[in-house]
Amino acid sequence: RMEMQAVIAGLQSLSKPCTVDIYSDSQYVIKGMTEWRFGWVKNGWKTADKKPVKNADLWQELIAAIAIHAVTWHWVKGHNGHTENERVDVLANTAAKAVA
């Protein structure tokens, strides 16, 4: 849920329609937005085996957040030396420790 919320927050911070490249090490987020969501919407937010989609509230919020933007999704392997991905991990861990 946190990875989805991070993307939503980033998109919602944009004040006008933009061309956006989203990089994530979350296959769940990337595949959800590039592959699975079309079937979920078509099937009334049910999975292929007719079960409710997990995190449907956030998927719907994420879909709404991309509506005005031209978004390209990129998956990067986590913990593999990708500079920006490593930086985000440090920021997330620092924030998590501050809350705990």
Protein backbone atom coordinates (compact mmCIF):
# COMPACT_ATOMS: atom_id res chain seq x y z
CA ARG A 1 0.00 0.00 0.00
CA MET A 2 2.85 2.39 0.80
CA GLU A 3 4.37 2.10 -2.67
CA MET A 4 0.99 2.88 -4.22
CA GLN A 5 0.46 5.81 -1.87
CA ALA A 6 3.87 7.22 -2.77
CA VAL A 7 2.98 7.25 -6.47
CA ILE A 8 -0.42 8.79 -5.73
CA ALA A 9 1.14 11.54 -3.59
CA GLY A 10 3.70 12.31 -6.28
CA LEU A 11 1.06 12.60 -8.97
CA GLN A 12 -1.25 14.66 -6.78
CA SER A 13 1.57 17.15 -6.13
CA LEU A 14 1.59 18.11 -9.81
CA SER A 15 -0.33 21.33 -10.42
CA LYS A 16 -0.97 20.85 -14.14
CA PRO A 17 -1.06 18.02 -16.68
CA CYS A 18 2.44 16.66 -17.26
CA THR A 19 4.39 13.99 -19.06
CA VAL A 20 5.50 11.73 -16.23
CA ASP A 21 7.95 8.84 -16.07
CA ILE A 22 7.33 6.72 -12.98
CA TYR A 23 10.12 4.42 -11.86
CA SER A 24 9.41 1.76 -9.25
CA ASP A 25 10.90 -1.47 -8.01
CA SER A 26 7.37 -2.67 -7.26
CA GLN A 27 6.19 -5.13 -9.87
CA TYR A 28 2.82 -4.98 -8.09
CA VAL A 29 2.46 -1.28 -8.91
CA ILE A 30 3.90 -1.51 -12.42
CA LYS A 31 1.94 -4.59 -13.51
CA GLY A 32 -1.17 -3.35 -11.77
CA MET A 33 -1.12 -0.16 -13.79
CA THR A 34 0.13 -1.52 -17.11
CA GLU A 35 -1.62 -4.90 -17.26
CA TRP A 36 -4.07 -5.91 -14.54
CA ARG A 37 -6.20 -2.79 -14.04
CA PHE A 38 -7.94 -3.11 -17.40
CA GLY A 39 -9.35 -6.51 -16.49
CA TRP A 40 -10.23 -5.37 -12.98
CA VAL A 41 -12.27 -2.45 -14.28
CA LYS A 42 -13.92 -4.63 -16.93
CA ASN A 43 -14.78 -7.26 -14.29
CA GLY A 44 -16.20 -4.80 -11.76
CA TRP A 45 -13.10 -4.83 -9.54
CA LYS A 46 -12.94 -8.61 -9.36
CA THR A 47 -9.87 -10.70 -10.16
CA ALA A 48 -9.84 -13.35 -12.87
CA ASP A 49 -10.97 -15.88 -10.25
CA LYS A 50 -13.88 -13.60 -9.23
CA LYS A 51 -12.38 -12.44 -5.92
CA PRO A 52 -12.34 -8.77 -4.90
CA VAL A 53 -9.22 -6.91 -5.99
CA LYS A 54 -6.95 -6.20 -3.03
CA ASN A 55 -6.31 -2.50 -2.43
CA ALA A 56 -9.07 -1.53 -4.86
CA ASP A 57 -9.44 1.80 -3.08
CA LEU A 58 -5.84 2.72 -3.85
CA TRP A 59 -5.94 1.34 -7.39
CA GLN A 60 -8.97 3.53 -8.08
CA GLU A 61 -7.24 6.55 -6.55
CA LEU A 62 -4.12 5.86 -8.61
CA ILE A 63 -6.12 5.54 -11.81
CA ALA A 64 -7.81 8.85 -11.07
CA ALA A 65 -4.43 10.45 -10.31
CA ILE A 66 -3.00 9.54 -13.74
CA ALA A 67 -6.08 10.66 -15.66
CA ILE A 68 -4.77 14.08 -16.66
CA HIS A 69 -1.16 13.04 -17.19
CA ALA A 70 0.76 11.18 -19.89
CA VAL A 71 2.38 8.49 -17.75
CA THR A 72 5.05 5.99 -18.71
CA TRP A 73 5.79 3.21 -16.22
CA HIS A 74 9.28 1.80 -15.66
CA TRP A 75 10.28 -1.10 -13.46
CA VAL A 76 13.76 -1.06 -11.92
CA LYS A 77 15.33 -3.88 -9.97
CA GLY A 78 15.47 -2.94 -6.30
CA HIS A 79 18.71 -2.99 -4.30
CA ASN A 80 20.69 -3.25 -7.49
CA GLY A 81 22.67 -0.02 -7.51
CA HIS A 82 20.04 2.13 -9.26
CA THR A 83 20.96 5.53 -7.78
CA GLU A 84 17.47 6.99 -7.47
CA ASN A 85 15.99 3.73 -6.19
CA GLU A 86 18.68 3.45 -3.52
CA ARG A 87 18.05 7.07 -2.48
CA VAL A 88 14.31 6.46 -2.15
CA ASP A 89 14.98 3.40 0.02
CA VAL A 90 17.16 5.50 2.35
CA LEU A 91 14.47 8.20 2.59
CA ALA A 92 11.72 5.64 3.25
CA ASN A 93 13.73 3.86 5.94
CA THR A 94 14.66 7.15 7.61
CA ALA A 95 11.02 8.24 7.64
CA ALA A 96 9.86 4.86 8.99
CA LYS A 97 12.37 5.04 11.86
CA ALA A 98 11.26 8.58 12.69
CA VAL A 99 7.64 7.44 13.03
CA ALA A 100 8.44 4.30 15.05
